[in-house]
Amino acid sequence: MLLQNPIQMSSNQNDTWQGLKTAARGGLDTRDYSVGGLAGRLGGVGVNASEAMAGQSNLDEAWIPGVEIFSRRVFQQKGRGYFAELARPNEGVLGRIGLNPRQWASALMHRDSAKGFHIHPPFVPDGEDPESWFKKLYADSPEDYAIRPYEKEQWDVMFFLTGICEMLLVDERAGMPRRIMRFTIPGDSRPGPDNAAVVIPPGVAHALRNIGNEDLLMAYGTSTTFNPAWEGRIESDVEKAPLPADWEKYLAMNAG
């Protein structure tokens, strides 16, 4: 049971703060320490990766279709370091959804840096209505992975090796609910239940920031080879830390 904040126990808030100047009292705010529901925190203040993975079965109304977060085990080797697998062909989550990256790359983000939001264009067949196409893929046949055109659009699968990553995802696909997911994943250098990898579909804007005290090192695979024309930027000024005002503005934007 959470103890009530002593500051909030006074029946007269003005008496509690009577020792402050009027201007300071007028600008006071108190932090809300209450714990909201998982779905609300996933789309708001954010959750740890282990919370998202454990609660996924109850997050149908909050989860972005096509996104996968899957657990990774890091084996500590006493006196030497640690070892952790990334992926095996046709096994695990990537094998289940039929995603076999055609290109692998690495990226490093220095402490207190951020990147995104950026987004890759989803493929829509000629003559197909985008909303109907996405409904077919993610609502009517969500487990028919064979119909996903991985070779014609860029899907990302990201692994984190060092540092601590805070990731934000926003679904911007036509006709899809504009859902937001925000979660934290530590790298292999910090073994624990939150070590995970993330699959990001095209049409889902994504941003990352390094919230740890060391460089954030990533390894990531893509379903297609790099195409500069597919690197869409939204609010490019967000590549600064801490969380900039235009990130907040973008996240709060009404669905169009």
C-alpha atoms as a PDB file:
ATOM      1  CA  MET A   1       0.000   0.000   0.000  1.00  0.00           C
ATOM      2  CA  LEU A   2       1.331   3.427  -0.946  1.00  0.00           C
ATOM      3  CA  LEU A   3       1.640   5.924   1.872  1.00  0.00           C
ATOM      4  CA  GLN A   4       0.001   9.270   1.309  1.00  0.00           C
ATOM      5  CA  ASN A   5       2.402  12.116   0.724  1.00  0.00           C
ATOM      6  CA  PRO A   6       2.598  14.072   4.036  1.00  0.00           C
ATOM      7  CA  ILE A   7       2.399  17.326   2.107  1.00  0.00           C
ATOM      8  CA  GLN A   8      -1.025  16.325   0.801  1.00  0.00           C
ATOM      9  CA  MET A   9      -2.421  15.405   4.241  1.00  0.00           C
ATOM     10  CA  SER A  10      -3.161  19.006   5.206  1.00  0.00           C
ATOM     11  CA  SER A  11      -6.833  19.977   4.984  1.00  0.00           C
ATOM     12  CA  ASN A  12      -5.789  23.474   4.011  1.00  0.00           C
ATOM     13  CA  GLN A  13      -3.274  23.563   1.164  1.00  0.00           C
ATOM     14  CA  ASN A  14      -2.754  27.312   1.620  1.00  0.00           C
ATOM     15  CA  ASP A  15      -1.641  26.786   5.242  1.00  0.00           C
ATOM     16  CA  THR A  16       0.818  24.108   4.132  1.00  0.00           C
ATOM     17  CA  TRP A  17       2.640  26.527   1.845  1.00  0.00           C
ATOM     18  CA  GLN A  18       2.138  29.758   3.811  1.00  0.00           C
ATOM     19  CA  GLY A  19       5.895  30.094   4.309  1.00  0.00           C
ATOM     20  CA  LEU A  20       6.492  30.682   0.586  1.00  0.00           C
ATOM     21  CA  LYS A  21       6.253  33.897  -1.395  1.00  0.00           C
ATOM     22  CA  THR A  22       2.961  34.449  -3.194  1.00  0.00           C
ATOM     23  CA  ALA A  23       4.510  34.088  -6.672  1.00  0.00           C
ATOM     24  CA  ALA A  24       6.111  30.767  -5.748  1.00  0.00           C
ATOM     25  CA  ARG A  25       2.889  29.458  -4.207  1.00  0.00           C
ATOM     26  CA  GLY A  26       1.018  30.391  -7.379  1.00  0.00           C
ATOM     27  CA  GLY A  27       3.331  28.278  -9.487  1.00  0.00           C
ATOM     28  CA  LEU A  28       3.242  25.179  -7.303  1.00  0.00           C
ATOM     29  CA  ASP A  29       2.334  21.794  -8.673  1.00  0.00           C
ATOM     30  CA  THR A  30       2.483  18.372  -7.028  1.00  0.00           C
ATOM     31  CA  ARG A  31       3.551  15.184  -8.763  1.00  0.00           C
ATOM     32  CA  ASP A  32       0.944  12.480  -9.225  1.00  0.00           C
ATOM     33  CA  TYR A  33       2.386   9.301  -7.721  1.00  0.00           C
ATOM     34  CA  SER A  34      -0.656   7.171  -8.459  1.00  0.00           C
ATOM     35  CA  VAL A  35      -0.096   4.145 -10.700  1.00  0.00           C
ATOM     36  CA  GLY A  36      -2.417   4.073 -13.715  1.00  0.00           C
ATOM     37  CA  GLY A  37      -3.440   1.100 -15.814  1.00  0.00           C
ATOM     38  CA  LEU A  38      -0.931  -0.604 -18.061  1.00  0.00           C
ATOM     39  CA  ALA A  39      -2.618   0.481 -21.303  1.00  0.00           C
ATOM     40  CA  GLY A  40      -2.653   4.110 -20.204  1.00  0.00           C
ATOM     41  CA  ARG A  41       0.977   4.037 -19.110  1.00  0.00           C
ATOM     42  CA  LEU A  42       2.071   2.280 -22.316  1.00  0.00           C
ATOM     43  CA  GLY A  43       0.691   5.176 -24.341  1.00  0.00           C
ATOM     44  CA  GLY A  44       1.607   7.837 -21.799  1.00  0.00           C
ATOM     45  CA  VAL A  45       4.473   7.907 -19.319  1.00  0.00           C
ATOM     46  CA  GLY A  46       5.835   4.616 -20.645  1.00  0.00           C
ATOM     47  CA  VAL A  47       6.563   1.180 -19.192  1.00  0.00           C
ATOM     48  CA  ASN A  48       9.465  -1.238 -18.944  1.00  0.00           C
ATOM     49  CA  ALA A  49       9.742  -3.780 -21.748  1.00  0.00           C
ATOM     50  CA  SER A  50       8.961  -6.669 -19.386  1.00  0.00           C
ATOM     51  CA  GLU A  51       5.657  -5.045 -18.391  1.00  0.00           C
ATOM     52  CA  ALA A  52       4.637  -4.635 -22.015  1.00  0.00           C
ATOM     53  CA  MET A  53       5.540  -8.226 -22.881  1.00  0.00           C
ATOM     54  CA  ALA A  54       3.796  -9.681 -19.825  1.00  0.00           C
ATOM     55  CA  GLY A  55       0.616  -7.705 -20.408  1.00  0.00           C
ATOM     56  CA  GLN A  56       0.405  -7.904 -24.210  1.00  0.00           C
ATOM     57  CA  SER A  57      -2.543 -10.334 -24.173  1.00  0.00           C
ATOM     58  CA  ASN A  58      -4.613  -7.689 -22.375  1.00  0.00           C
ATOM     59  CA  LEU A  59      -3.504  -4.738 -24.509  1.00  0.00           C
ATOM     60  CA  ASP A  60      -5.469  -5.289 -27.716  1.00  0.00           C
ATOM     61  CA  GLU A  61      -6.892  -1.758 -27.559  1.00  0.00           C
ATOM     62  CA  ALA A  62      -3.486  -0.170 -26.945  1.00  0.00           C
ATOM     63  CA  TRP A  63      -1.016  -2.319 -28.904  1.00  0.00           C
ATOM     64  CA  ILE A  64       0.077  -1.208 -32.386  1.00  0.00           C
ATOM     65  CA  PRO A  65      -0.677  -4.033 -34.871  1.00  0.00           C
ATOM     66  CA  GLY A  66       2.474  -5.580 -36.301  1.00  0.00           C
ATOM     67  CA  VAL A  67       4.721  -4.438 -33.454  1.00  0.00           C
ATOM     68  CA  GLU A  68       6.541  -7.249 -31.663  1.00  0.00           C
ATOM     69  CA  ILE A  69       8.531  -7.010 -28.439  1.00  0.00           C
ATOM     70  CA  PHE A  70      10.249 -10.245 -27.570  1.00  0.00           C
ATOM     71  CA  SER A  71      12.411 -11.205 -24.649  1.00  0.00           C
ATOM     72  CA  ARG A  72      16.122 -11.935 -24.935  1.00  0.00           C
ATOM     73  CA  ARG A  73      18.298 -13.765 -22.448  1.00  0.00           C
ATOM     74  CA  VAL A  74      21.742 -12.437 -21.628  1.00  0.00           C
ATOM     75  CA  PHE A  75      24.199 -14.989 -20.227  1.00  0.00           C
ATOM     76  CA  GLN A  76      26.702 -13.484 -17.828  1.00  0.00           C
ATOM     77  CA  GLN A  77      30.136 -15.091 -18.007  1.00  0.00           C
ATOM     78  CA  LYS A  78      31.955 -14.578 -14.735  1.00  0.00           C
ATOM     79  CA  GLY A  79      35.273 -12.860 -15.133  1.00  0.00           C
ATOM     80  CA  ARG A  80      34.816 -12.273 -18.879  1.00  0.00           C
ATOM     81  CA  GLY A  81      31.590 -10.439 -19.638  1.00  0.00           C
ATOM     82  CA  TYR A  82      28.377 -11.723 -21.178  1.00  0.00           C
ATOM     83  CA  PHE A  83      26.906 -13.469 -24.212  1.00  0.00           C
ATOM     84  CA  ALA A  84      23.519 -13.036 -25.883  1.00  0.00           C
ATOM     85  CA  GLU A  85      22.085 -14.329 -29.149  1.00  0.00           C
ATOM     86  CA  LEU A  86      20.390 -11.971 -31.580  1.00  0.00           C
ATOM     87  CA  ALA A  87      18.358 -14.230 -33.871  1.00  0.00           C
ATOM     88  CA  ARG A  88      18.390 -17.565 -35.682  1.00  0.00           C
ATOM     89  CA  PRO A  89      16.964 -18.036 -39.193  1.00  0.00           C
ATOM     90  CA  ASN A  90      13.384 -19.331 -39.164  1.00  0.00           C
ATOM     91  CA  GLU A  91      13.238 -19.553 -35.371  1.00  0.00           C
ATOM     92  CA  GLY A  92      11.639 -17.570 -32.595  1.00  0.00           C
ATOM     93  CA  VAL A  93       9.428 -14.561 -33.214  1.00  0.00           C
ATOM     94  CA  LEU A  94      11.133 -13.619 -36.489  1.00  0.00           C
ATOM     95  CA  GLY A  95      10.626 -17.172 -37.754  1.00  0.00           C
ATOM     96  CA  ARG A  96       6.974 -17.148 -36.688  1.00  0.00           C
ATOM     97  CA  ILE A  97       6.178 -13.954 -38.564  1.00  0.00           C
ATOM     98  CA  GLY A  98       8.406 -14.844 -41.533  1.00  0.00           C
ATOM     99  CA  LEU A  99      10.723 -11.849 -41.234  1.00  0.00           C
ATOM    100  CA  ASN A 100      14.265 -12.603 -42.419  1.00  0.00           C
ATOM    101  CA  PRO A 101      16.273  -9.354 -42.597  1.00  0.00           C
ATOM    102  CA  ARG A 102      18.167  -8.719 -45.814  1.00  0.00           C
ATOM    103  CA  GLN A 103      20.533  -6.201 -44.237  1.00  0.00           C
ATOM    104  CA  TRP A 104      22.132  -5.895 -40.803  1.00  0.00           C
ATOM    105  CA  ALA A 105      23.661  -2.725 -39.434  1.00  0.00           C
ATOM    106  CA  SER A 106      24.856  -1.126 -36.225  1.00  0.00           C
ATOM    107  CA  ALA A 107      24.302   2.306 -34.756  1.00  0.00           C
ATOM    108  CA  LEU A 108      25.618   4.164 -31.726  1.00  0.00           C
ATOM    109  CA  MET A 109      23.926   6.986 -29.854  1.00  0.00           C
ATOM    110  CA  HIS A 110      25.973   8.985 -27.386  1.00  0.00           C
ATOM    111  CA  ARG A 111      24.761   9.662 -23.886  1.00  0.00           C
ATOM    112  CA  ASP A 112      21.922  12.239 -23.718  1.00  0.00           C
ATOM    113  CA  SER A 113      21.207  12.009 -27.457  1.00  0.00           C
ATOM    114  CA  ALA A 114      18.029  11.149 -29.361  1.00  0.00           C
ATOM    115  CA  LYS A 115      16.911  10.323 -32.895  1.00  0.00           C
ATOM    116  CA  GLY A 116      13.548  10.398 -34.644  1.00  0.00           C
ATOM    117  CA  PHE A 117      10.736  10.582 -35.188  1.00  0.00           C
ATOM    118  CA  HIS A 118      11.323   8.811 -38.500  1.00  0.00           C
ATOM    119  CA  ILE A 119       9.056   6.582 -40.523  1.00  0.00           C
ATOM    120  CA  HIS A 120       9.204   4.211 -43.514  1.00  0.00           C
ATOM    121  CA  PRO A 121       6.441   4.146 -46.160  1.00  0.00           C
ATOM    122  CA  PRO A 122       4.196   1.060 -46.145  1.00  0.00           C
ATOM    123  CA  PHE A 123       3.675  -0.681 -49.466  1.00  0.00           C
ATOM    124  CA  VAL A 124       0.150  -0.581 -50.908  1.00  0.00           C
ATOM    125  CA  PRO A 125      -0.578  -2.691 -54.022  1.00  0.00           C
ATOM    126  CA  ASP A 126      -1.707  -0.854 -57.169  1.00  0.00           C
ATOM    127  CA  GLY A 127      -5.439  -0.275 -57.184  1.00  0.00           C
ATOM    128  CA  GLU A 128      -5.763  -1.167 -53.506  1.00  0.00           C
ATOM    129  CA  ASP A 129      -7.305   1.263 -51.022  1.00  0.00           C
ATOM    130  CA  PRO A 130      -4.745   1.802 -48.214  1.00  0.00           C
ATOM    131  CA  GLU A 131      -7.306   1.544 -45.430  1.00  0.00           C
ATOM    132  CA  SER A 132      -8.764  -1.667 -46.844  1.00  0.00           C
ATOM    133  CA  TRP A 133      -5.280  -3.096 -47.367  1.00  0.00           C
ATOM    134  CA  PHE A 134      -4.198  -2.490 -43.782  1.00  0.00           C
ATOM    135  CA  LYS A 135      -7.512  -3.848 -42.508  1.00  0.00           C
ATOM    136  CA  LYS A 136      -6.863  -7.032 -44.458  1.00  0.00           C
ATOM    137  CA  LEU A 137      -3.320  -7.368 -43.097  1.00  0.00           C
ATOM    138  CA  TYR A 138      -3.842  -6.482 -39.454  1.00  0.00           C
ATOM    139  CA  ALA A 139      -7.538  -6.955 -38.661  1.00  0.00           C
ATOM    140  CA  ASP A 140      -8.967  -9.598 -40.998  1.00  0.00           C
ATOM    141  CA  SER A 141      -5.869 -11.819 -41.297  1.00  0.00           C
ATOM    142  CA  PRO A 142      -3.432 -10.747 -38.546  1.00  0.00           C
ATOM    143  CA  GLU A 143      -1.718 -14.149 -38.391  1.00  0.00           C
ATOM    144  CA  ASP A 144      -1.438 -14.717 -42.138  1.00  0.00           C
ATOM    145  CA  TYR A 145       2.145 -13.505 -42.228  1.00  0.00           C
ATOM    146  CA  ALA A 146       2.696 -14.888 -45.724  1.00  0.00           C
ATOM    147  CA  ILE A 147       0.697 -12.014 -47.249  1.00  0.00           C
ATOM    148  CA  ARG A 148       2.898  -9.332 -45.708  1.00  0.00           C
ATOM    149  CA  PRO A 149       5.054  -7.754 -48.458  1.00  0.00           C
ATOM    150  CA  TYR A 150       8.274  -7.687 -46.443  1.00  0.00           C
ATOM    151  CA  GLU A 151      10.383  -7.492 -49.603  1.00  0.00           C
ATOM    152  CA  LYS A 152       8.593  -4.308 -50.758  1.00  0.00           C
ATOM    153  CA  GLU A 153       8.689  -2.233 -47.567  1.00  0.00           C
ATOM    154  CA  GLN A 154      11.126  -1.698 -44.721  1.00  0.00           C
ATOM    155  CA  TRP A 155      10.457  -3.480 -41.458  1.00  0.00           C
ATOM    156  CA  ASP A 156      12.984  -2.983 -38.652  1.00  0.00           C
ATOM    157  CA  VAL A 157      14.035  -5.365 -35.896  1.00  0.00           C
ATOM    158  CA  MET A 158      16.193  -3.691 -33.253  1.00  0.00           C
ATOM    159  CA  PHE A 159      18.508  -5.158 -30.623  1.00  0.00           C
ATOM    160  CA  PHE A 160      20.205  -3.136 -27.884  1.00  0.00           C
ATOM    161  CA  LEU A 161      23.705  -4.069 -26.768  1.00  0.00           C
ATOM    162  CA  THR A 162      24.695  -1.323 -24.332  1.00  0.00           C
ATOM    163  CA  GLY A 163      22.992   1.621 -22.667  1.00  0.00           C
ATOM    164  CA  ILE A 164      19.297   2.143 -21.958  1.00  0.00           C
ATOM    165  CA  CYS A 165      16.870   2.988 -24.759  1.00  0.00           C
ATOM    166  CA  GLU A 166      13.544   4.738 -24.385  1.00  0.00           C
ATOM    167  CA  MET A 167      11.491   4.074 -27.515  1.00  0.00           C
ATOM    168  CA  LEU A 168       8.313   5.772 -28.722  1.00  0.00           C
ATOM    169  CA  LEU A 169       6.110   4.368 -31.494  1.00  0.00           C
ATOM    170  CA  VAL A 170       3.151   6.064 -33.203  1.00  0.00           C
ATOM    171  CA  ASP A 171       0.865   4.330 -35.700  1.00  0.00           C
ATOM    172  CA  GLU A 172       0.350   6.643 -38.699  1.00  0.00           C
ATOM    173  CA  ARG A 173      -1.065   4.101 -41.208  1.00  0.00           C
ATOM    174  CA  ALA A 174      -4.222   5.206 -43.014  1.00  0.00           C
ATOM    175  CA  GLY A 175      -7.370   3.945 -41.322  1.00  0.00           C
ATOM    176  CA  MET A 176      -5.518   2.532 -38.308  1.00  0.00           C
ATOM    177  CA  PRO A 177      -6.166   3.866 -34.780  1.00  0.00           C
ATOM    178  CA  ARG A 178      -3.467   6.381 -33.861  1.00  0.00           C
ATOM    179  CA  ARG A 179      -1.946   4.479 -30.982  1.00  0.00           C
ATOM    180  CA  ILE A 180       1.207   5.387 -29.075  1.00  0.00           C
ATOM    181  CA  MET A 181       3.575   2.960 -27.356  1.00  0.00           C
ATOM    182  CA  ARG A 182       6.379   4.090 -25.074  1.00  0.00           C
ATOM    183  CA  PHE A 183       8.738   1.696 -23.333  1.00  0.00           C
ATOM    184  CA  THR A 184      12.275   1.276 -22.006  1.00  0.00           C
ATOM    185  CA  ILE A 185      14.770  -1.439 -22.961  1.00  0.00           C
ATOM    186  CA  PRO A 186      18.238  -1.823 -21.398  1.00  0.00           C
ATOM    187  CA  GLY A 187      21.111  -3.178 -23.462  1.00  0.00           C
ATOM    188  CA  ASP A 188      22.860  -6.508 -22.941  1.00  0.00           C
ATOM    189  CA  SER A 189      25.382  -4.742 -20.699  1.00  0.00           C
ATOM    190  CA  ARG A 190      22.542  -4.529 -18.148  1.00  0.00           C
ATOM    191  CA  PRO A 191      21.184  -8.106 -17.996  1.00  0.00           C
ATOM    192  CA  GLY A 192      17.678  -8.521 -16.642  1.00  0.00           C
ATOM    193  CA  PRO A 193      14.007  -9.146 -17.457  1.00  0.00           C
ATOM    194  CA  ASP A 194      13.750  -6.048 -19.648  1.00  0.00           C
ATOM    195  CA  ASN A 195      16.291  -7.187 -22.250  1.00  0.00           C
ATOM    196  CA  ALA A 196      14.253  -7.372 -25.456  1.00  0.00           C
ATOM    197  CA  ALA A 197      14.171  -6.816 -29.199  1.00  0.00           C
ATOM    198  CA  VAL A 198      11.548  -4.822 -31.114  1.00  0.00           C
ATOM    199  CA  VAL A 199       9.946  -5.336 -34.538  1.00  0.00           C
ATOM    200  CA  ILE A 200       8.643  -2.097 -36.099  1.00  0.00           C
ATOM    201  CA  PRO A 201       6.347  -2.148 -39.154  1.00  0.00           C
ATOM    202  CA  PRO A 202       6.485   0.515 -41.897  1.00  0.00           C
ATOM    203  CA  GLY A 203       4.012   3.327 -41.342  1.00  0.00           C
ATOM    204  CA  VAL A 204       4.816   3.378 -37.620  1.00  0.00           C
ATOM    205  CA  ALA A 205       6.825   6.446 -36.627  1.00  0.00           C
ATOM    206  CA  HIS A 206       9.600   5.667 -34.176  1.00  0.00           C
ATOM    207  CA  ALA A 207      11.928   7.677 -31.984  1.00  0.00           C
ATOM    208  CA  LEU A 208      14.667   6.639 -29.589  1.00  0.00           C
ATOM    209  CA  ARG A 209      16.640   8.373 -26.910  1.00  0.00           C
ATOM    210  CA  ASN A 210      19.509   7.236 -24.752  1.00  0.00           C
ATOM    211  CA  ILE A 211      18.478   7.625 -21.120  1.00  0.00           C
ATOM    212  CA  GLY A 212      21.434   5.699 -19.676  1.00  0.00           C
ATOM    213  CA  ASN A 213      24.853   6.867 -18.544  1.00  0.00           C
ATOM    214  CA  GLU A 214      26.773   5.110 -21.334  1.00  0.00           C
ATOM    215  CA  ASP A 215      26.623   5.053 -25.119  1.00  0.00           C
ATOM    216  CA  LEU A 216      23.634   3.215 -26.591  1.00  0.00           C
ATOM    217  CA  LEU A 217      24.828   0.609 -29.087  1.00  0.00           C
ATOM    218  CA  MET A 218      22.290  -1.087 -31.354  1.00  0.00           C
ATOM    219  CA  ALA A 219      22.268  -3.831 -33.958  1.00  0.00           C
ATOM    220  CA  TYR A 220      19.321  -3.906 -36.309  1.00  0.00           C
ATOM    221  CA  GLY A 221      18.070  -5.797 -39.301  1.00  0.00           C
ATOM    222  CA  THR A 222      15.813  -4.559 -42.079  1.00  0.00           C
ATOM    223  CA  SER A 223      13.535  -6.490 -44.423  1.00  0.00           C
ATOM    224  CA  THR A 224      14.950  -4.558 -47.389  1.00  0.00           C
ATOM    225  CA  THR A 225      18.296  -2.940 -48.103  1.00  0.00           C
ATOM    226  CA  PHE A 226      18.738   0.726 -47.220  1.00  0.00           C
ATOM    227  CA  ASN A 227      16.788   3.152 -49.408  1.00  0.00           C
ATOM    228  CA  PRO A 228      17.269   6.874 -48.604  1.00  0.00           C
ATOM    229  CA  ALA A 229      13.932   7.713 -50.252  1.00  0.00           C
ATOM    230  CA  TRP A 230      12.175   5.648 -47.569  1.00  0.00           C
ATOM    231  CA  GLU A 231      13.611   7.635 -44.646  1.00  0.00           C
ATOM    232  CA  GLY A 232      10.783  10.009 -43.760  1.00  0.00           C
ATOM    233  CA  ARG A 233      11.381  12.540 -40.996  1.00  0.00           C
ATOM    234  CA  ILE A 234       8.732  14.025 -38.715  1.00  0.00           C
ATOM    235  CA  GLU A 235       9.727  16.927 -36.450  1.00  0.00           C
ATOM    236  CA  SER A 236      13.446  16.509 -37.110  1.00  0.00           C
ATOM    237  CA  ASP A 237      14.296  18.965 -34.328  1.00  0.00           C
ATOM    238  CA  VAL A 238      13.505  16.182 -31.878  1.00  0.00           C
ATOM    239  CA  GLU A 239      17.014  14.823 -32.285  1.00  0.00           C
ATOM    240  CA  LYS A 240      17.929  16.640 -29.108  1.00  0.00           C
ATOM    241  CA  ALA A 241      17.509  15.650 -25.470  1.00  0.00           C
ATOM    242  CA  PRO A 242      15.734  15.939 -23.085  1.00  0.00           C
ATOM    243  CA  LEU A 243      12.260  15.192 -24.487  1.00  0.00           C
ATOM    244  CA  PRO A 244      11.605  18.311 -26.609  1.00  0.00           C
ATOM    245  CA  ALA A 245       8.397  20.301 -26.701  1.00  0.00           C
ATOM    246  CA  ASP A 246       7.705  19.358 -30.318  1.00  0.00           C
ATOM    247  CA  TRP A 247       7.731  15.645 -29.376  1.00  0.00           C
ATOM    248  CA  GLU A 248       5.000  16.391 -26.858  1.00  0.00           C
ATOM    249  CA  LYS A 249       3.095  18.416 -29.468  1.00  0.00           C
ATOM    250  CA  TYR A 250       3.333  15.596 -32.003  1.00  0.00           C
ATOM    251  CA  LEU A 251       2.270  12.913 -29.528  1.00  0.00           C
ATOM    252  CA  ALA A 252      -0.751  14.984 -28.492  1.00  0.00           C
ATOM    253  CA  MET A 253      -1.840  15.705 -32.085  1.00  0.00           C
ATOM    254  CA  ASN A 254      -5.396  14.669 -32.872  1.00  0.00           C
ATOM    255  CA  ALA A 255      -5.854  11.879 -35.392  1.00  0.00           C
ATOM    256  CA  GLY A 256      -6.422  13.155 -38.913  1.00  0.00           C
END
